[in-house]
Amino acid sequence: NNLLLNSAQGGEPFGERMVVSGKVLDRWGHPQPGVLIEIW
């Protein structure tokens, strides 16, 4: 989940660092644990 580290080749990525976070919910607002999230 840490794109600042998961492909680092001895350095740091350039750009504005940020944390992206939130909840996955169903239609009734119930939290959904164990959901796989992939980003690109």
Full PDB file with SEQRES, HELIX, SHEET, SSBOND, CRYST1, ORIGX, SCALE, CONECT and MASTER records, all heavy atoms in Angstrom:
SEQRES   1 A   40  ASN ASN LEU LEU LEU ASN SER ALA GLN GLY GLY GLU PRO          
SEQRES   2 A   40  PHE GLY GLU ARG MET VAL VAL SER GLY LYS VAL LEU ASP          
SEQRES   3 A   40  ARG TRP GLY HIS PRO GLN PRO GLY VAL LEU ILE GLU ILE          
SEQRES   4 A   40  TRP                                                          
CRYST1    1.000    1.000    1.000  90.00  90.00  90.00 P 1           1          
ORIGX1      1.000000  0.000000  0.000000        0.00000                         
ORIGX2      0.000000  1.000000  0.000000        0.00000                         
ORIGX3      0.000000  0.000000  1.000000        0.00000                         
SCALE1      1.000000  0.000000  0.000000        0.00000                         
SCALE2      0.000000  1.000000  0.000000        0.00000                         
SCALE3      0.000000  0.000000  1.000000        0.00000                         
ATOM      1  N   ASN A   1       0.813  -1.215   0.000  1.00  0.00           N  
ATOM      2  CA  ASN A   1       0.000   0.000   0.000  1.00  0.00           C  
ATOM      3  C   ASN A   1       0.848   1.266   0.000  1.00  0.00           C  
ATOM      4  O   ASN A   1       0.307   2.374  -0.063  1.00  0.00           O  
ATOM      5  CB  ASN A   1      -0.921   0.022   1.224  1.00  0.00           C  
ATOM      6  CG  ASN A   1      -0.167   0.361   2.501  1.00  0.00           C  
ATOM      7  OD1 ASN A   1       0.963  -0.087   2.711  1.00  0.00           O  
ATOM      8  ND2 ASN A   1      -0.789   1.156   3.357  1.00  0.00           N  
ATOM      9  N   ASN A   2       2.161   1.109   0.062  1.00  0.00           N  
ATOM     10  CA  ASN A   2       3.059   2.253   0.158  1.00  0.00           C  
ATOM     11  C   ASN A   2       3.811   2.419  -1.156  1.00  0.00           C  
ATOM     12  O   ASN A   2       4.859   1.819  -1.368  1.00  0.00           O  
ATOM     13  CB  ASN A   2       4.034   2.069   1.319  1.00  0.00           C  
ATOM     14  CG  ASN A   2       4.787   3.339   1.638  1.00  0.00           C  
ATOM     15  OD1 ASN A   2       4.976   4.190   0.778  1.00  0.00           O  
ATOM     16  ND2 ASN A   2       5.204   3.470   2.881  1.00  0.00           N  
ATOM     17  N   LEU A   3       3.267   3.237  -2.048  1.00  0.00           N  
ATOM     18  CA  LEU A   3       3.865   3.428  -3.358  1.00  0.00           C  
ATOM     19  C   LEU A   3       5.143   4.252  -3.290  1.00  0.00           C  
ATOM     20  O   LEU A   3       5.874   4.349  -4.282  1.00  0.00           O  
ATOM     21  CB  LEU A   3       2.874   4.082  -4.318  1.00  0.00           C  
ATOM     22  CG  LEU A   3       1.774   3.172  -4.901  1.00  0.00           C  
ATOM     23  CD1 LEU A   3       0.781   2.730  -3.831  1.00  0.00           C  
ATOM     24  CD2 LEU A   3       1.029   3.857  -6.042  1.00  0.00           C  
ATOM     25  N   LEU A   4       5.429   4.828  -2.130  1.00  0.00           N  
ATOM     26  CA  LEU A   4       6.692   5.533  -1.931  1.00  0.00           C  
ATOM     27  C   LEU A   4       7.836   4.556  -1.727  1.00  0.00           C  
ATOM     28  O   LEU A   4       9.007   4.921  -1.899  1.00  0.00           O  
ATOM     29  CB  LEU A   4       6.597   6.463  -0.717  1.00  0.00           C  
ATOM     30  CG  LEU A   4       5.452   7.474  -0.699  1.00  0.00           C  
ATOM     31  CD1 LEU A   4       5.465   8.252   0.613  1.00  0.00           C  
ATOM     32  CD2 LEU A   4       5.521   8.405  -1.884  1.00  0.00           C  
ATOM     33  N   LEU A   5       7.499   3.310  -1.356  1.00  0.00           N  
ATOM     34  CA  LEU A   5       8.519   2.316  -1.034  1.00  0.00           C  
ATOM     35  C   LEU A   5       8.482   1.075  -1.920  1.00  0.00           C  
ATOM     36  O   LEU A   5       9.512   0.446  -2.129  1.00  0.00           O  
ATOM     37  CB  LEU A   5       8.363   1.863   0.425  1.00  0.00           C  
ATOM     38  CG  LEU A   5       8.653   2.869   1.536  1.00  0.00           C  
ATOM     39  CD1 LEU A   5       8.343   2.236   2.885  1.00  0.00           C  
ATOM     40  CD2 LEU A   5      10.094   3.346   1.476  1.00  0.00           C  
ATOM     41  N   ASN A   6       7.306   0.701  -2.436  1.00  0.00           N  
ATOM     42  CA  ASN A   6       7.177  -0.637  -3.007  1.00  0.00           C  
ATOM     43  C   ASN A   6       7.916  -0.834  -4.326  1.00  0.00           C  
ATOM     44  O   ASN A   6       8.027  -1.965  -4.796  1.00  0.00           O  
ATOM     45  CB  ASN A   6       5.706  -1.058  -3.129  1.00  0.00           C  
ATOM     46  CG  ASN A   6       4.911  -0.233  -4.134  1.00  0.00           C  
ATOM     47  OD1 ASN A   6       5.464   0.487  -4.963  1.00  0.00           O  
ATOM     48  ND2 ASN A   6       3.594  -0.334  -4.037  1.00  0.00           N  
ATOM     49  N   SER A   7       8.418   0.247  -4.924  1.00  0.00           N  
ATOM     50  CA  SER A   7       9.222   0.105  -6.146  1.00  0.00           C  
ATOM     51  C   SER A   7      10.517   0.899  -6.070  1.00  0.00           C  
ATOM     52  O   SER A   7      11.173   1.104  -7.094  1.00  0.00           O  
ATOM     53  CB  SER A   7       8.421   0.567  -7.365  1.00  0.00           C  
ATOM     54  OG  SER A   7       7.279  -0.224  -7.553  1.00  0.00           O  
ATOM     55  N   ALA A   8      10.873   1.348  -4.875  1.00  0.00           N  
ATOM     56  CA  ALA A   8      12.063   2.183  -4.721  1.00  0.00           C  
ATOM     57  C   ALA A   8      13.323   1.419  -5.117  1.00  0.00           C  
ATOM     58  O   ALA A   8      13.488   0.256  -4.760  1.00  0.00           O  
ATOM     59  CB  ALA A   8      12.175   2.672  -3.284  1.00  0.00           C  
ATOM     60  N   GLN A   9      14.180   2.076  -5.873  1.00  0.00           N  
ATOM     61  CA  GLN A   9      15.443   1.492  -6.319  1.00  0.00           C  
ATOM     62  C   GLN A   9      16.611   2.246  -5.692  1.00  0.00           C  
ATOM     63  O   GLN A   9      17.528   2.699  -6.368  1.00  0.00           O  
ATOM     64  CB  GLN A   9      15.537   1.554  -7.849  1.00  0.00           C  
ATOM     65  CG  GLN A   9      14.402   0.872  -8.568  1.00  0.00           C  
ATOM     66  CD  GLN A   9      14.393  -0.618  -8.324  1.00  0.00           C  
ATOM     67  OE1 GLN A   9      15.436  -1.281  -8.377  1.00  0.00           O  
ATOM     68  NE2 GLN A   9      13.201  -1.159  -8.066  1.00  0.00           N  
ATOM     69  N   GLY A  10      16.543   2.425  -4.383  1.00  0.00           N  
ATOM     70  CA  GLY A  10      17.621   3.119  -3.685  1.00  0.00           C  
ATOM     71  C   GLY A  10      17.399   4.608  -3.554  1.00  0.00           C  
ATOM     72  O   GLY A  10      18.274   5.324  -3.063  1.00  0.00           O  
ATOM     73  N   GLY A  11      16.237   5.099  -3.990  1.00  0.00           N  
ATOM     74  CA  GLY A  11      15.942   6.518  -3.878  1.00  0.00           C  
ATOM     75  C   GLY A  11      14.482   6.728  -3.541  1.00  0.00           C  
ATOM     76  O   GLY A  11      13.763   5.785  -3.212  1.00  0.00           O  
ATOM     77  N   GLU A  12      14.048   7.985  -3.618  1.00  0.00           N  
ATOM     78  CA  GLU A  12      12.670   8.333  -3.329  1.00  0.00           C  
ATOM     79  C   GLU A  12      11.979   8.823  -4.597  1.00  0.00           C  
ATOM     80  O   GLU A  12      12.597   9.495  -5.421  1.00  0.00           O  
ATOM     81  CB  GLU A  12      12.607   9.421  -2.261  1.00  0.00           C  
ATOM     82  CG  GLU A  12      13.221   9.033  -0.929  1.00  0.00           C  
ATOM     83  CD  GLU A  12      13.170  10.163   0.082  1.00  0.00           C  
ATOM     84  OE1 GLU A  12      12.505  11.181  -0.206  1.00  0.00           O  
ATOM     85  OE2 GLU A  12      13.798  10.017   1.140  1.00  0.00           O  
ATOM     86  N   PRO A  13      10.695   8.538  -4.768  1.00  0.00           N  
ATOM     87  CA  PRO A  13       9.974   9.084  -5.914  1.00  0.00           C  
ATOM     88  C   PRO A  13       9.851  10.598  -5.794  1.00  0.00           C  
ATOM     89  O   PRO A  13       9.797  11.145  -4.693  1.00  0.00           O  
ATOM     90  CB  PRO A  13       8.605   8.400  -5.841  1.00  0.00           C  
ATOM     91  CG  PRO A  13       8.473   7.914  -4.445  1.00  0.00           C  
ATOM     92  CD  PRO A  13       9.848   7.670  -3.940  1.00  0.00           C  
ATOM     93  N   PHE A  14       9.831  11.276  -6.930  1.00  0.00           N  
ATOM     94  CA  PHE A  14       9.692  12.727  -6.903  1.00  0.00           C  
ATOM     95  C   PHE A  14       8.214  13.103  -6.979  1.00  0.00           C  
ATOM     96  O   PHE A  14       7.391  12.363  -7.509  1.00  0.00           O  
ATOM     97  CB  PHE A  14      10.480  13.379  -8.044  1.00  0.00           C  
ATOM     98  CG  PHE A  14      10.089  12.925  -9.431  1.00  0.00           C  
ATOM     99  CD1 PHE A  14       9.011  13.507 -10.095  1.00  0.00           C  
ATOM    100  CD2 PHE A  14      10.819  11.940 -10.089  1.00  0.00           C  
ATOM    101  CE1 PHE A  14       8.656  13.093 -11.368  1.00  0.00           C  
ATOM    102  CE2 PHE A  14      10.454  11.523 -11.365  1.00  0.00           C  
ATOM    103  CZ  PHE A  14       9.377  12.097 -12.005  1.00  0.00           C  
ATOM    104  N   GLY A  15       7.880  14.257  -6.411  1.00  0.00           N  
ATOM    105  CA  GLY A  15       6.507  14.737  -6.456  1.00  0.00           C  
ATOM    106  C   GLY A  15       5.945  15.011  -5.083  1.00  0.00           C  
ATOM    107  O   GLY A  15       6.619  14.849  -4.055  1.00  0.00           O  
ATOM    108  N   GLU A  16       4.697  15.443  -5.055  1.00  0.00           N  
ATOM    109  CA  GLU A  16       4.002  15.782  -3.818  1.00  0.00           C  
ATOM    110  C   GLU A  16       3.485  14.521  -3.124  1.00  0.00           C  
ATOM    111  O   GLU A  16       2.640  13.812  -3.655  1.00  0.00           O  
ATOM    112  CB  GLU A  16       2.819  16.711  -4.130  1.00  0.00           C  
ATOM    113  CG  GLU A  16       1.986  17.109  -2.932  1.00  0.00           C  
ATOM    114  CD  GLU A  16       0.776  17.928  -3.316  1.00  0.00           C  
ATOM    115  OE1 GLU A  16       0.840  18.676  -4.313  1.00  0.00           O  
ATOM    116  OE2 GLU A  16      -0.260  17.819  -2.625  1.00  0.00           O  
ATOM    117  N   ARG A  17       4.015  14.229  -1.947  1.00  0.00           N  
ATOM    118  CA  ARG A  17       3.591  13.042  -1.202  1.00  0.00           C  
ATOM    119  C   ARG A  17       2.199  13.240  -0.630  1.00  0.00           C  
ATOM    120  O   ARG A  17       1.832  14.343  -0.221  1.00  0.00           O  
ATOM    121  CB  ARG A  17       4.587  12.744  -0.082  1.00  0.00           C  
ATOM    122  CG  ARG A  17       5.963  12.337  -0.562  1.00  0.00           C  
ATOM    123  CD  ARG A  17       6.847  11.994   0.625  1.00  0.00           C  
ATOM    124  NE  ARG A  17       7.137  13.160   1.434  1.00  0.00           N  
ATOM    125  CZ  ARG A  17       8.304  13.803   1.455  1.00  0.00           C  
ATOM    126  NH1 ARG A  17       9.300  13.381   0.692  1.00  0.00           N  
ATOM    127  NH2 ARG A  17       8.488  14.844   2.231  1.00  0.00           N  
ATOM    128  N   MET A  18       1.437  12.176  -0.585  1.00  0.00           N  
ATOM    129  CA  MET A  18       0.094  12.271  -0.015  1.00  0.00           C  
ATOM    130  C   MET A  18      -0.354  10.935   0.535  1.00  0.00           C  
ATOM    131  O   MET A  18       0.134   9.873   0.143  1.00  0.00           O  
ATOM    132  CB  MET A  18      -0.906  12.793  -1.048  1.00  0.00           C  
ATOM    133  CG  MET A  18      -1.098  11.915  -2.255  1.00  0.00           C  
ATOM    134  SD  MET A  18      -2.300  12.651  -3.398  1.00  0.00           S  
ATOM    135  CE  MET A  18      -2.480  11.287  -4.560  1.00  0.00           C  
ATOM    136  N   VAL A  19      -1.303  11.021   1.468  1.00  0.00           N  
ATOM    137  CA  VAL A  19      -1.986   9.862   2.028  1.00  0.00           C  
ATOM    138  C   VAL A  19      -3.395   9.862   1.443  1.00  0.00           C  
ATOM    139  O   VAL A  19      -4.085  10.876   1.470  1.00  0.00           O  
ATOM    140  CB  VAL A  19      -2.068   9.951   3.565  1.00  0.00           C  
ATOM    141  CG1 VAL A  19      -2.850   8.771   4.131  1.00  0.00           C  
ATOM    142  CG2 VAL A  19      -0.681  10.021   4.167  1.00  0.00           C  
ATOM    143  N   VAL A  20      -3.812   8.729   0.897  1.00  0.00           N  
ATOM    144  CA  VAL A  20      -5.178   8.572   0.389  1.00  0.00           C  
ATOM    145  C   VAL A  20      -5.840   7.492   1.232  1.00  0.00           C  
ATOM    146  O   VAL A  20      -5.349   6.360   1.304  1.00  0.00           O  
ATOM    147  CB  VAL A  20      -5.201   8.173  -1.095  1.00  0.00           C  
ATOM    148  CG1 VAL A  20      -6.632   7.934  -1.569  1.00  0.00           C  
ATOM    149  CG2 VAL A  20      -4.536   9.247  -1.944  1.00  0.00           C  
ATOM    150  N   SER A  21      -6.941   7.834   1.889  1.00  0.00           N  
ATOM    151  CA  SER A  21      -7.582   6.906   2.798  1.00  0.00           C  
ATOM    152  C   SER A  21      -9.091   7.097   2.768  1.00  0.00           C  
ATOM    153  O   SER A  21      -9.594   8.148   2.357  1.00  0.00           O  
ATOM    154  CB  SER A  21      -7.052   7.124   4.229  1.00  0.00           C  
ATOM    155  OG  SER A  21      -7.604   6.184   5.130  1.00  0.00           O  
ATOM    156  N   GLY A  22      -9.797   6.079   3.197  1.00  0.00           N  
ATOM    157  CA  GLY A  22     -11.247   6.159   3.252  1.00  0.00           C  
ATOM    158  C   GLY A  22     -11.834   4.834   3.693  1.00  0.00           C  
ATOM    159  O   GLY A  22     -11.119   3.945   4.164  1.00  0.00           O  
ATOM    160  N   LYS A  23     -13.154   4.706   3.509  1.00  0.00           N  
ATOM    161  CA  LYS A  23     -13.855   3.483   3.847  1.00  0.00           C  
ATOM    162  C   LYS A  23     -14.561   2.920   2.625  1.00  0.00           C  
ATOM    163  O   LYS A  23     -15.020   3.671   1.760  1.00  0.00           O  
ATOM    164  CB  LYS A  23     -14.888   3.734   4.949  1.00  0.00           C  
ATOM    165  CG  LYS A  23     -14.293   3.942   6.326  1.00  0.00           C  
ATOM    166  CD  LYS A  23     -15.387   3.944   7.398  1.00  0.00           C  
ATOM    167  CE  LYS A  23     -14.786   4.004   8.786  1.00  0.00           C  
ATOM    168  NZ  LYS A  23     -15.821   3.870   9.840  1.00  0.00           N  
ATOM    169  N   VAL A  24     -14.642   1.596   2.576  1.00  0.00           N  
ATOM    170  CA  VAL A  24     -15.477   0.912   1.596  1.00  0.00           C  
ATOM    171  C   VAL A  24     -16.765   0.526   2.310  1.00  0.00           C  
ATOM    172  O   VAL A  24     -16.727  -0.157   3.345  1.00  0.00           O  
ATOM    173  CB  VAL A  24     -14.774  -0.316   1.009  1.00  0.00           C  
ATOM    174  CG1 VAL A  24     -15.699  -1.050   0.038  1.00  0.00           C  
ATOM    175  CG2 VAL A  24     -13.487   0.101   0.304  1.00  0.00           C  
ATOM    176  N   LEU A  25     -17.903   0.967   1.757  1.00  0.00           N  
ATOM    177  CA  LEU A  25     -19.198   0.781   2.396  1.00  0.00           C  
ATOM    178  C   LEU A  25     -20.185   0.123   1.446  1.00  0.00           C  
ATOM    179  O   LEU A  25     -20.042   0.224   0.218  1.00  0.00           O  
ATOM    180  CB  LEU A  25     -19.767   2.144   2.826  1.00  0.00           C  
ATOM    181  CG  LEU A  25     -18.859   3.032   3.677  1.00  0.00           C  
ATOM    182  CD1 LEU A  25     -19.419   4.438   3.744  1.00  0.00           C  
ATOM    183  CD2 LEU A  25     -18.698   2.445   5.069  1.00  0.00           C  
ATOM    184  N   ASP A  26     -21.193  -0.546   2.003  1.00  0.00           N  
ATOM    185  CA  ASP A  26     -22.280  -1.031   1.156  1.00  0.00           C  
ATOM    186  C   ASP A  26     -23.362   0.047   1.077  1.00  0.00           C  
ATOM    187  O   ASP A  26     -23.214   1.151   1.611  1.00  0.00           O  
ATOM    188  CB  ASP A  26     -22.828  -2.367   1.667  1.00  0.00           C  
ATOM    189  CG  ASP A  26     -23.517  -2.278   3.023  1.00  0.00           C  
ATOM    190  OD1 ASP A  26     -23.804  -1.147   3.495  1.00  0.00           O  
ATOM    191  OD2 ASP A  26     -23.773  -3.330   3.630  1.00  0.00           O  
ATOM    192  N   ARG A  27     -24.464  -0.261   0.427  1.00  0.00           N  
ATOM    193  CA  ARG A  27     -25.493   0.740   0.187  1.00  0.00           C  
ATOM    194  C   ARG A  27     -26.139   1.259   1.470  1.00  0.00           C  
ATOM    195  O   ARG A  27     -26.721   2.344   1.490  1.00  0.00           O  
ATOM    196  CB  ARG A  27     -26.575   0.166  -0.728  1.00  0.00           C  
ATOM    197  CG  ARG A  27     -27.433  -0.910  -0.070  1.00  0.00           C  
ATOM    198  CD  ARG A  27     -28.531  -1.394  -0.999  1.00  0.00           C  
ATOM    199  NE  ARG A  27     -28.002  -2.261  -2.039  1.00  0.00           N  
ATOM    200  CZ  ARG A  27     -28.737  -2.713  -3.060  1.00  0.00           C  
ATOM    201  NH1 ARG A  27     -30.004  -2.357  -3.170  1.00  0.00           N  
ATOM    202  NH2 ARG A  27     -28.195  -3.514  -3.957  1.00  0.00           N  
ATOM    203  N   TRP A  28     -26.035   0.495   2.548  1.00  0.00           N  
ATOM    204  CA  TRP A  28     -26.622   0.892   3.830  1.00  0.00           C  
ATOM    205  C   TRP A  28     -25.606   1.586   4.735  1.00  0.00           C  
ATOM    206  O   TRP A  28     -25.900   1.884   5.888  1.00  0.00           O  
ATOM    207  CB  TRP A  28     -27.219  -0.320   4.535  1.00  0.00           C  
ATOM    208  CG  TRP A  28     -28.318  -0.957   3.740  1.00  0.00           C  
ATOM    209  CD1 TRP A  28     -29.601  -0.492   3.573  1.00  0.00           C  
ATOM    210  CD2 TRP A  28     -28.219  -2.155   2.971  1.00  0.00           C  
ATOM    211  NE1 TRP A  28     -30.310  -1.332   2.748  1.00  0.00           N  
ATOM    212  CE2 TRP A  28     -29.493  -2.368   2.361  1.00  0.00           C  
ATOM    213  CE3 TRP A  28     -27.207  -3.071   2.723  1.00  0.00           C  
ATOM    214  CZ2 TRP A  28     -29.757  -3.455   1.531  1.00  0.00           C  
ATOM    215  CZ3 TRP A  28     -27.457  -4.154   1.894  1.00  0.00           C  
ATOM    216  CH2 TRP A  28     -28.720  -4.332   1.314  1.00  0.00           C  
ATOM    217  N   GLY A  29     -24.400   1.794   4.227  1.00  0.00           N  
ATOM    218  CA  GLY A  29     -23.369   2.454   5.018  1.00  0.00           C  
ATOM    219  C   GLY A  29     -22.596   1.535   5.920  1.00  0.00           C  
ATOM    220  O   GLY A  29     -21.853   1.993   6.795  1.00  0.00           O  
ATOM    221  N   HIS A  30     -22.745   0.217   5.737  1.00  0.00           N  
ATOM    222  CA  HIS A  30     -22.010  -0.741   6.554  1.00  0.00           C  
ATOM    223  C   HIS A  30     -20.587  -0.909   6.012  1.00  0.00           C  
ATOM    224  O   HIS A  30     -20.401  -1.081   4.797  1.00  0.00           O  
ATOM    225  CB  HIS A  30     -22.711  -2.100   6.552  1.00  0.00           C  
ATOM    226  CG  HIS A  30     -24.101  -2.044   7.108  1.00  0.00           C  
ATOM    227  ND1 HIS A  30     -25.120  -2.850   6.648  1.00  0.00           N  
ATOM    228  CD2 HIS A  30     -24.644  -1.272   8.075  1.00  0.00           C  
ATOM    229  CE1 HIS A  30     -26.225  -2.588   7.309  1.00  0.00           C  
ATOM    230  NE2 HIS A  30     -25.967  -1.630   8.184  1.00  0.00           N  
ATOM    231  N   PRO A  31     -19.579  -0.881   6.863  1.00  0.00           N  
ATOM    232  CA  PRO A  31     -18.197  -1.066   6.401  1.00  0.00           C  
ATOM    233  C   PRO A  31     -17.982  -2.459   5.832  1.00  0.00           C  
ATOM    234  O   PRO A  31     -18.588  -3.436   6.296  1.00  0.00           O  
ATOM    235  CB  PRO A  31     -17.370  -0.846   7.673  1.00  0.00           C  
ATOM    236  CG  PRO A  31     -18.313  -1.106   8.800  1.00  0.00           C  
ATOM    237  CD  PRO A  31     -19.667  -0.676   8.329  1.00  0.00           C  
ATOM    238  N   GLN A  32     -17.114  -2.544   4.842  1.00  0.00           N  
ATOM    239  CA  GLN A  32     -16.846  -3.800   4.161  1.00  0.00           C  
ATOM    240  C   GLN A  32     -15.395  -4.240   4.403  1.00  0.00           C  
ATOM    241  O   GLN A  32     -14.473  -3.787   3.734  1.00  0.00           O  
ATOM    242  CB  GLN A  32     -17.105  -3.645   2.656  1.00  0.00           C  
ATOM    243  CG  GLN A  32     -18.535  -3.256   2.308  1.00  0.00           C  
ATOM    244  CD  GLN A  32     -19.532  -4.319   2.731  1.00  0.00           C  
ATOM    245  OE1 GLN A  32     -19.579  -5.406   2.166  1.00  0.00           O  
ATOM    246  NE2 GLN A  32     -20.328  -4.006   3.751  1.00  0.00           N  
ATOM    247  N   PRO A  33     -15.165  -5.116   5.385  1.00  0.00           N  
ATOM    248  CA  PRO A  33     -13.806  -5.589   5.663  1.00  0.00           C  
ATOM    249  C   PRO A  33     -13.359  -6.631   4.637  1.00  0.00           C  
ATOM    250  O   PRO A  33     -14.180  -7.263   3.969  1.00  0.00           O  
ATOM    251  CB  PRO A  33     -13.936  -6.209   7.052  1.00  0.00           C  
ATOM    252  CG  PRO A  33     -15.363  -6.672   7.106  1.00  0.00           C  
ATOM    253  CD  PRO A  33     -16.154  -5.672   6.329  1.00  0.00           C  
ATOM    254  N   GLY A  34     -12.057  -6.814   4.523  1.00  0.00           N  
ATOM    255  CA  GLY A  34     -11.506  -7.867   3.681  1.00  0.00           C  
ATOM    256  C   GLY A  34     -11.657  -7.645   2.199  1.00  0.00           C  
ATOM    257  O   GLY A  34     -11.573  -8.588   1.417  1.00  0.00           O  
ATOM    258  N   VAL A  35     -11.861  -6.390   1.787  1.00  0.00           N  
ATOM    259  CA  VAL A  35     -12.000  -6.077   0.364  1.00  0.00           C  
ATOM    260  C   VAL A  35     -10.624  -5.751  -0.216  1.00  0.00           C  
ATOM    261  O   VAL A  35      -9.857  -4.981   0.380  1.00  0.00           O  
ATOM    262  CB  VAL A  35     -12.961  -4.893   0.163  1.00  0.00           C  
ATOM    263  CG1 VAL A  35     -12.958  -4.424  -1.293  1.00  0.00           C  
ATOM    264  CG2 VAL A  35     -14.373  -5.273   0.587  1.00  0.00           C  
ATOM    265  N   LEU A  36     -10.303  -6.331  -1.350  1.00  0.00           N  
ATOM    266  CA  LEU A  36      -9.034  -6.051  -2.022  1.00  0.00           C  
ATOM    267  C   LEU A  36      -9.171  -4.783  -2.864  1.00  0.00           C  
ATOM    268  O   LEU A  36     -10.052  -4.692  -3.722  1.00  0.00           O  
ATOM    269  CB  LEU A  36      -8.626  -7.222  -2.916  1.00  0.00           C  
ATOM    270  CG  LEU A  36      -7.406  -7.003  -3.809  1.00  0.00           C  
ATOM    271  CD1 LEU A  36      -6.145  -6.784  -2.979  1.00  0.00           C  
ATOM    272  CD2 LEU A  36      -7.223  -8.183  -4.770  1.00  0.00           C  
ATOM    273  N   ILE A  37      -8.311  -3.806  -2.604  1.00  0.00           N  
ATOM    274  CA  ILE A  37      -8.276  -2.568  -3.380  1.00  0.00           C  
ATOM    275  C   ILE A  37      -6.937  -2.486  -4.093  1.00  0.00           C  
ATOM    276  O   ILE A  37      -5.882  -2.602  -3.465  1.00  0.00           O  
ATOM    277  CB  ILE A  37      -8.459  -1.336  -2.484  1.00  0.00           C  
ATOM    278  CG1 ILE A  37      -9.793  -1.397  -1.737  1.00  0.00           C  
ATOM    279  CG2 ILE A  37      -8.385  -0.056  -3.320  1.00  0.00           C  
ATOM    280  CD1 ILE A  37     -10.013  -0.221  -0.818  1.00  0.00           C  
ATOM    281  N   GLU A  38      -6.985  -2.289  -5.384  1.00  0.00           N  
ATOM    282  CA  GLU A  38      -5.787  -2.066  -6.182  1.00  0.00           C  
ATOM    283  C   GLU A  38      -5.882  -0.686  -6.819  1.00  0.00           C  
ATOM    284  O   GLU A  38      -6.960  -0.275  -7.250  1.00  0.00           O  
ATOM    285  CB  GLU A  38      -5.646  -3.128  -7.263  1.00  0.00           C  
ATOM    286  CG  GLU A  38      -5.475  -4.534  -6.713  1.00  0.00           C  
ATOM    287  CD  GLU A  38      -5.377  -5.584  -7.805  1.00  0.00           C  
ATOM    288  OE1 GLU A  38      -6.156  -5.507  -8.781  1.00  0.00           O  
ATOM    289  OE2 GLU A  38      -4.536  -6.483  -7.679  1.00  0.00           O  
ATOM    290  N   ILE A  39      -4.770   0.035  -6.854  1.00  0.00           N  
ATOM    291  CA  ILE A  39      -4.747   1.340  -7.509  1.00  0.00           C  
ATOM    292  C   ILE A  39      -3.623   1.374  -8.529  1.00  0.00           C  
ATOM    293  O   ILE A  39      -2.635   0.656  -8.419  1.00  0.00           O  
ATOM    294  CB  ILE A  39      -4.583   2.499  -6.505  1.00  0.00           C  
ATOM    295  CG1 ILE A  39      -3.225   2.450  -5.793  1.00  0.00           C  
ATOM    296  CG2 ILE A  39      -5.738   2.510  -5.506  1.00  0.00           C  
ATOM    297  CD1 ILE A  39      -2.927   3.697  -4.964  1.00  0.00           C  
ATOM    298  N   TRP A  40      -3.809   2.201  -9.546  1.00  0.00           N  
ATOM    299  CA  TRP A  40      -2.733   2.496 -10.487  1.00  0.00           C  
ATOM    300  C   TRP A  40      -2.872   3.931 -10.945  1.00  0.00           C  
ATOM    301  O   TRP A  40      -3.965   4.479 -11.019  1.00  0.00           O  
ATOM    302  CB  TRP A  40      -2.688   1.514 -11.648  1.00  0.00           C  
ATOM    303  CG  TRP A  40      -3.876   1.486 -12.571  1.00  0.00           C  
ATOM    304  CD1 TRP A  40      -3.996   2.106 -13.772  1.00  0.00           C  
ATOM    305  CD2 TRP A  40      -5.096   0.744 -12.388  1.00  0.00           C  
ATOM    306  NE1 TRP A  40      -5.217   1.825 -14.355  1.00  0.00           N  
ATOM    307  CE2 TRP A  40      -5.911   0.989 -13.520  1.00  0.00           C  
ATOM    308  CE3 TRP A  40      -5.579  -0.088 -11.374  1.00  0.00           C  
ATOM    309  CZ2 TRP A  40      -7.182   0.425 -13.669  1.00  0.00           C  
ATOM    310  CZ3 TRP A  40      -6.843  -0.641 -11.520  1.00  0.00           C  
ATOM    311  CH2 TRP A  40      -7.623  -0.384 -12.651  1.00  0.00           C  
TER     312      TRP A  40                                                      
MASTER        0    0    0    0    0    0    0    6  311    1    0    4          
END                                                                             
